[in-house]
Amino acid sequence: MAERTLVVVPTFEESASIRSILARIRSAVPAADILVVDDNSPDGTAEIVARLARTDPRLAVLVRPDKSGLGRAYLSGFRYALEHGYDYIVEIDADGSHDPAELPRMLELAESGHDLVIGSRWVPGGRVSNWSRVRQAISRAGNGYSRFMLGSAVRDITAGFRVFRADTVRLLLREPTSSQGYCFQIEMAWHTERAGLSIAEHPITFEERAEGVSKMHLGIVAEALWRVTVWGVQKRLSPGQVARRSEG
């Protein structure tokens, strides 16, 4: 396990699930530091984390003034990681849909030289649990459309369970990001590909959240479709590089 790893957990109204996911992260990667980036949740999520941090020196909370999107939350976490000298930066959802037990293997893949490691539902060995066939079809279609428009080799380009090398993030932050919501994940993976960096996809089981309320809504989907379409057109006008990709 990497000596300088920061696990970034974005939250908004996750008081029902935050204790559980933090305990699972701590169990899976006990030497990692954890940063909760909270969008000023009215349900007291940040206060819960602050209390837990009193007995866990490797846990911190960063409270932002308002809810301004998943992408901006992660960007705040990325900047914190770079400012504090971390070597690896983890993205993971707060709702328990990503199993932190997969992190040791994902970190091993990053340490072996991959610039971005994605916990993937759509590679051999990956799957989703408690999803209807319709929802699986929608997710696969969204990934398929994004891959087609962007010319991407990433099978699960919308995935939110990731490990970045710090140098990768430093490179990505040199150009501005245009998306604020879940489309941020597509944008980061695509920029990594265009830079010609190495991407590995590690198979995971994605679990539907057991507690709390999903933050996904039609506006997020619409933003992703619109931005992917624009990026795809731009790509055809100025093709970028193709990433080296492997499955973990």
Protein backbone atom coordinates (compact mmCIF):
# COMPACT_ATOMS: atom_id res chain seq x y z
CA MET A 1 0.00 0.00 0.00
CA ALA A 2 1.27 3.42 -0.90
CA GLU A 3 2.76 5.44 1.94
CA ARG A 4 1.15 8.69 0.87
CA THR A 5 -2.40 7.94 -0.18
CA LEU A 6 -5.37 10.26 0.25
CA VAL A 7 -8.91 8.89 -0.09
CA VAL A 8 -11.28 11.70 -1.10
CA VAL A 9 -14.94 11.19 -0.18
CA PRO A 10 -17.37 13.86 -1.47
CA THR A 11 -20.56 14.18 0.57
CA PHE A 12 -23.89 15.94 0.58
CA GLU A 13 -26.49 14.74 3.08
CA GLU A 14 -24.78 11.40 3.75
CA SER A 15 -25.30 11.27 7.52
CA ALA A 16 -26.95 7.85 7.21
CA SER A 17 -24.00 6.22 5.47
CA ILE A 18 -20.87 8.19 6.37
CA ARG A 19 -19.88 6.27 9.50
CA SER A 20 -20.10 2.95 7.69
CA ILE A 21 -18.08 3.94 4.62
CA LEU A 22 -15.36 5.58 6.70
CA ALA A 23 -15.02 2.47 8.85
CA ARG A 24 -14.78 0.28 5.74
CA ILE A 25 -12.14 2.52 4.16
CA ARG A 26 -10.11 2.53 7.36
CA SER A 27 -10.30 -1.27 7.55
CA ALA A 28 -9.24 -1.73 3.91
CA VAL A 29 -6.38 0.80 3.84
CA PRO A 30 -5.44 1.58 7.45
CA ALA A 31 -2.37 3.62 6.51
CA ALA A 32 -4.25 5.94 4.13
CA ASP A 33 -5.47 9.41 5.02
CA ILE A 34 -9.12 10.26 4.37
CA LEU A 35 -10.52 13.63 3.37
CA VAL A 36 -14.28 14.15 3.40
CA VAL A 37 -15.28 17.06 1.16
CA ASP A 38 -18.72 18.13 2.33
CA ASP A 39 -20.97 20.59 0.49
CA ASN A 40 -22.33 22.14 3.70
CA SER A 41 -24.83 19.32 4.26
CA PRO A 42 -27.84 20.45 6.31
CA ASP A 43 -28.16 16.95 7.83
CA GLY A 44 -24.96 17.27 9.87
CA THR A 45 -22.68 15.04 7.80
CA ALA A 46 -19.66 17.30 8.35
CA GLU A 47 -20.28 17.44 12.10
CA ILE A 48 -20.30 13.64 12.27
CA VAL A 49 -16.98 13.47 10.44
CA ALA A 50 -15.47 16.19 12.63
CA ARG A 51 -16.37 14.19 15.75
CA LEU A 52 -14.82 11.03 14.28
CA ALA A 53 -11.69 12.97 13.36
CA ARG A 54 -11.05 13.77 17.02
CA THR A 55 -10.00 10.15 17.53
CA ASP A 56 -8.61 9.51 14.05
CA PRO A 57 -5.64 11.72 13.12
CA ARG A 58 -5.75 10.38 9.55
CA LEU A 59 -9.27 11.73 8.96
CA ALA A 60 -10.11 15.32 8.01
CA VAL A 61 -13.14 17.20 6.71
CA LEU A 62 -13.23 20.10 4.28
CA VAL A 63 -16.53 21.99 4.29
CA ARG A 64 -17.40 23.99 1.20
CA PRO A 65 -19.87 26.90 1.34
CA ASP A 66 -22.59 25.30 -0.79
CA LYS A 67 -23.55 22.46 -3.12
CA SER A 68 -21.81 23.17 -6.41
CA GLY A 69 -21.30 19.77 -7.99
CA LEU A 70 -19.32 16.56 -7.69
CA GLY A 71 -16.61 17.80 -10.03
CA ARG A 72 -15.81 20.85 -7.97
CA ALA A 73 -15.81 18.78 -4.79
CA TYR A 74 -13.22 16.44 -6.28
CA LEU A 75 -11.17 19.35 -7.58
CA SER A 76 -11.03 20.72 -4.02
CA GLY A 77 -9.84 17.30 -2.84
CA PHE A 78 -7.27 17.07 -5.63
CA ARG A 79 -5.79 20.45 -4.77
CA TYR A 80 -5.64 19.50 -1.09
CA ALA A 81 -3.80 16.28 -1.98
CA LEU A 82 -1.23 18.03 -4.14
CA GLU A 83 -0.66 20.77 -1.57
CA HIS A 84 -0.05 18.14 1.11
CA GLY A 85 2.31 15.99 -0.92
CA TYR A 86 0.29 12.81 -1.49
CA ASP A 87 1.45 10.30 -4.10
CA TYR A 88 -1.91 8.62 -4.82
CA ILE A 89 -5.41 10.06 -4.77
CA VAL A 90 -8.52 7.89 -4.47
CA GLU A 91 -12.06 8.76 -5.54
CA ILE A 92 -14.84 6.81 -3.81
CA ASP A 93 -18.55 7.40 -3.27
CA ALA A 94 -19.89 7.95 0.24
CA ASP A 95 -22.98 5.78 -0.23
CA GLY A 96 -21.25 2.39 0.01
CA SER A 97 -21.71 1.48 -3.65
CA HIS A 98 -17.94 1.04 -4.02
CA ASP A 99 -16.28 -1.66 -1.90
CA PRO A 100 -13.14 -0.25 -0.24
CA ALA A 101 -11.80 -3.82 0.00
CA GLU A 102 -10.82 -3.42 -3.68
CA LEU A 103 -8.50 -0.52 -2.87
CA PRO A 104 -5.34 -2.51 -2.02
CA ARG A 105 -5.37 -4.15 -5.46
CA MET A 106 -6.20 -0.86 -7.21
CA LEU A 107 -3.33 0.85 -5.41
CA GLU A 108 -1.00 -1.97 -6.42
CA LEU A 109 -1.93 -1.35 -10.05
CA ALA A 110 -1.18 2.36 -9.64
CA GLU A 111 2.12 1.60 -7.95
CA SER A 112 3.05 -0.74 -10.81
CA GLY A 113 2.98 2.22 -13.19
CA HIS A 114 -0.61 2.89 -14.25
CA ASP A 115 -1.49 6.57 -14.18
CA LEU A 116 -5.20 5.98 -13.58
CA VAL A 117 -6.90 2.86 -12.19
CA ILE A 118 -10.66 2.59 -12.60
CA GLY A 119 -12.91 0.28 -10.59
CA SER A 120 -14.93 -1.02 -13.52
CA ARG A 121 -18.36 -2.63 -13.72
CA TRP A 122 -18.12 -3.43 -17.41
CA VAL A 123 -14.92 -5.45 -17.80
CA PRO A 124 -14.78 -9.26 -17.37
CA GLY A 125 -15.27 -10.01 -13.67
CA GLY A 126 -17.08 -6.74 -12.99
CA ARG A 127 -20.80 -6.54 -12.30
CA VAL A 128 -23.58 -4.60 -10.62
CA SER A 129 -25.79 -5.78 -7.77
CA ASN A 130 -29.46 -4.94 -7.19
CA TRP A 131 -29.94 -3.15 -10.49
CA SER A 132 -32.82 -3.83 -12.85
CA ARG A 133 -32.05 -4.90 -16.40
CA VAL A 134 -33.38 -1.55 -17.60
CA ARG A 135 -30.97 0.39 -15.39
CA GLN A 136 -28.06 -1.80 -16.47
CA ALA A 137 -29.01 -1.21 -20.09
CA ILE A 138 -29.13 2.57 -19.56
CA SER A 139 -25.71 2.55 -17.90
CA ARG A 140 -24.19 0.43 -20.65
CA ALA A 141 -25.76 2.64 -23.30
CA GLY A 142 -24.37 5.78 -21.66
CA ASN A 143 -20.91 4.26 -21.52
CA GLY A 144 -21.21 3.02 -25.08
CA TYR A 145 -22.29 6.42 -26.40
CA SER A 146 -19.47 8.17 -24.54
CA ARG A 147 -16.89 5.69 -25.82
CA PHE A 148 -18.15 6.06 -29.39
CA MET A 149 -18.25 9.86 -29.38
CA LEU A 150 -14.86 10.24 -27.69
CA GLY A 151 -13.13 7.29 -29.31
CA SER A 152 -12.40 5.98 -25.83
CA ALA A 153 -11.00 2.55 -24.96
CA VAL A 154 -12.25 2.79 -21.36
CA ARG A 155 -15.08 0.32 -20.78
CA ASP A 156 -16.51 2.09 -17.72
CA ILE A 157 -15.76 5.73 -18.46
CA THR A 158 -18.51 7.00 -16.11
CA ALA A 159 -17.19 5.07 -13.10
CA GLY A 160 -16.53 7.02 -9.92
CA PHE A 161 -14.20 4.58 -8.11
CA ARG A 162 -10.66 5.53 -9.09
CA VAL A 163 -7.02 5.81 -8.11
CA PHE A 164 -4.92 8.56 -9.67
CA ARG A 165 -1.20 9.02 -9.43
CA ALA A 166 -0.53 12.54 -8.14
CA ASP A 167 1.47 13.37 -11.27
CA THR A 168 -1.57 12.47 -13.37
CA VAL A 169 -3.79 14.86 -11.42
CA ARG A 170 -1.14 17.56 -11.59
CA LEU A 171 -1.12 17.21 -15.38
CA LEU A 172 -4.93 17.17 -15.65
CA LEU A 173 -5.26 20.33 -13.59
CA ARG A 174 -3.20 22.27 -16.11
CA GLU A 175 -6.31 22.65 -18.27
CA PRO A 176 -9.69 23.82 -16.96
CA THR A 177 -12.56 21.38 -16.51
CA SER A 178 -15.90 22.30 -18.01
CA SER A 179 -18.22 19.88 -16.17
CA GLN A 180 -19.47 20.13 -12.61
CA GLY A 181 -21.60 17.02 -12.10
CA TYR A 182 -21.03 13.33 -12.72
CA CYS A 183 -19.81 14.13 -16.24
CA PHE A 184 -16.60 15.16 -14.48
CA GLN A 185 -15.65 11.48 -14.37
CA ILE A 186 -15.95 11.16 -18.13
CA GLU A 187 -13.93 14.32 -18.63
CA MET A 188 -11.06 13.24 -16.38
CA ALA A 189 -10.77 9.80 -17.96
CA TRP A 190 -10.91 11.28 -21.45
CA HIS A 191 -8.21 13.86 -20.69
CA THR A 192 -6.04 11.07 -19.27
CA GLU A 193 -6.48 9.11 -22.50
CA ARG A 194 -5.74 12.12 -24.68
CA ALA A 195 -2.52 12.68 -22.75
CA GLY A 196 -1.42 9.18 -23.75
CA LEU A 197 -1.22 7.96 -20.14
CA SER A 198 -1.72 4.40 -18.91
CA ILE A 199 -5.20 3.42 -17.71
CA ALA A 200 -6.07 0.11 -16.01
CA GLU A 201 -9.60 -1.13 -15.29
CA HIS A 202 -9.97 -3.36 -12.26
CA PRO A 203 -13.21 -5.39 -12.08
CA ILE A 204 -15.50 -4.53 -9.17
CA THR A 205 -19.01 -5.29 -7.97
CA PHE A 206 -21.07 -2.11 -7.80
CA GLU A 207 -23.67 -2.23 -5.03
CA GLU A 208 -26.80 -0.10 -5.05
CA ARG A 209 -26.87 2.22 -2.04
CA ALA A 210 -28.59 0.75 1.01
CA GLU A 211 -29.08 4.05 2.87
CA GLY A 212 -29.74 7.66 1.96
CA VAL A 213 -31.08 9.13 -1.27
CA SER A 214 -29.47 8.94 -4.72
CA LYS A 215 -28.16 12.27 -6.07
CA MET A 216 -28.64 11.18 -9.70
CA HIS A 217 -31.31 13.09 -11.63
CA LEU A 218 -32.30 13.93 -15.21
CA GLY A 219 -30.28 17.15 -15.29
CA ILE A 220 -27.06 15.24 -14.60
CA VAL A 221 -27.79 12.83 -17.45
CA ALA A 222 -28.63 15.70 -19.80
CA GLU A 223 -25.38 17.52 -18.95
CA ALA A 224 -23.36 14.38 -19.65
CA LEU A 225 -25.04 13.71 -23.01
CA TRP A 226 -24.65 17.30 -24.14
CA ARG A 227 -21.01 17.65 -23.10
CA VAL A 228 -19.99 14.26 -24.54
CA THR A 229 -21.58 15.22 -27.84
CA VAL A 230 -19.71 18.54 -27.92
CA TRP A 231 -16.41 16.89 -26.96
CA GLY A 232 -16.93 14.19 -29.59
CA VAL A 233 -17.40 16.79 -32.32
CA GLN A 234 -14.32 18.68 -31.11
CA LYS A 235 -12.31 15.45 -31.10
CA ARG A 236 -13.16 14.78 -34.72
CA LEU A 237 -11.90 18.23 -35.60
CA SER A 238 -8.63 17.78 -33.65
CA PRO A 239 -7.94 14.10 -32.80
CA GLY A 240 -5.90 13.40 -29.66
CA GLN A 241 -3.68 10.57 -28.59
CA VAL A 242 -4.88 7.10 -27.64
CA ALA A 243 -4.12 5.86 -24.14
CA ARG A 244 -2.33 2.68 -23.26
CA ARG A 245 -4.99 0.62 -21.46
CA SER A 246 -5.05 -2.68 -19.61
CA GLU A 247 -7.37 -4.63 -17.34
CA GLY A 248 -6.26 -5.27 -13.76
